[in-house]
Amino acid sequence: MKASEYREMNPEELIDEMDVLRRRLFEIRTQAVTEKLEDPSLLTKIRRDIARIKTIIVQNETAEAAS
């Protein structure tokens, strides 16, 4: 998902999405260990999506604090 799509979500949706991505990351790591992972780039993509969400959450918090 793109950062612009994450910015349109409210904070509760962002947290829910991050939880889903963390669970998915755990599943993919498990597959990687057992050598059943078909697309190794998924690890990087999901980690980056989690980082995007964390960044947007912090940006929203600082914008609220500045207001």
Protein backbone atom coordinates (compact mmCIF):
# COMPACT_ATOMS: atom_id res chain seq x y z
CA MET A 1 0.00 0.00 0.00
CA LYS A 2 1.17 3.52 -0.66
CA ALA A 3 1.85 6.10 2.02
CA SER A 4 -0.93 8.32 0.68
CA GLU A 5 -3.42 5.51 1.27
CA TYR A 6 -2.17 5.10 4.84
CA ARG A 7 -2.49 8.85 5.46
CA GLU A 8 -6.19 8.68 4.62
CA MET A 9 -6.80 6.14 7.41
CA ASN A 10 -7.71 7.14 10.94
CA PRO A 11 -5.38 6.20 13.83
CA GLU A 12 -7.40 3.14 14.86
CA GLU A 13 -7.30 1.75 11.32
CA LEU A 14 -3.54 2.35 11.16
CA ILE A 15 -2.97 0.42 14.37
CA ASP A 16 -5.19 -2.44 13.15
CA GLU A 17 -3.34 -2.54 9.82
CA MET A 18 0.01 -2.59 11.61
CA ASP A 19 -1.13 -5.53 13.75
CA VAL A 20 -2.20 -7.42 10.64
CA LEU A 21 1.15 -6.72 8.96
CA ARG A 22 3.09 -7.82 12.04
CA ARG A 23 1.22 -11.14 12.09
CA ARG A 24 1.85 -11.54 8.36
CA LEU A 25 5.54 -10.78 8.88
CA PHE A 26 5.73 -13.49 11.54
CA GLU A 27 4.11 -15.99 9.16
CA ILE A 28 6.51 -15.07 6.37
CA ARG A 29 9.53 -15.36 8.65
CA THR A 30 8.33 -18.81 9.67
CA GLN A 31 8.04 -19.80 6.03
CA ALA A 32 11.51 -18.43 5.35
CA VAL A 33 13.00 -20.57 8.11
CA THR A 34 11.30 -23.71 6.82
CA GLU A 35 12.35 -22.78 3.26
CA LYS A 36 8.77 -22.69 1.97
CA LEU A 37 8.79 -19.00 1.10
CA GLU A 38 8.04 -18.42 -2.57
CA ASP A 39 8.73 -14.67 -2.72
CA PRO A 40 11.58 -13.49 -0.47
CA SER A 41 10.89 -9.85 -1.34
CA LEU A 42 7.72 -10.02 0.77
CA LEU A 43 9.83 -9.71 3.91
CA THR A 44 11.20 -6.37 2.77
CA LYS A 45 7.84 -5.11 1.49
CA ILE A 46 6.03 -5.84 4.74
CA ARG A 47 8.81 -4.38 6.88
CA ARG A 48 8.65 -1.18 4.83
CA ASP A 49 4.88 -1.00 5.14
CA ILE A 50 5.18 -1.33 8.92
CA ALA A 51 7.77 1.45 8.92
CA ARG A 52 5.50 3.66 6.80
CA ILE A 53 2.63 3.19 9.24
CA LYS A 54 4.84 3.96 12.24
CA THR A 55 6.10 7.12 10.54
CA ILE A 56 2.59 8.31 9.74
CA ILE A 57 1.45 7.65 13.32
CA VAL A 58 4.33 9.76 14.66
CA GLN A 59 3.61 12.51 12.14
CA ASN A 60 -0.03 12.58 13.20
CA GLU A 61 0.93 12.75 16.88
CA THR A 62 3.35 15.64 16.33
CA ALA A 63 0.77 17.50 14.23
CA GLU A 64 -1.78 17.13 17.03
CA ALA A 65 0.74 18.30 19.63
CA ALA A 66 1.58 21.36 17.54
CA SER A 67 -2.09 22.32 17.18
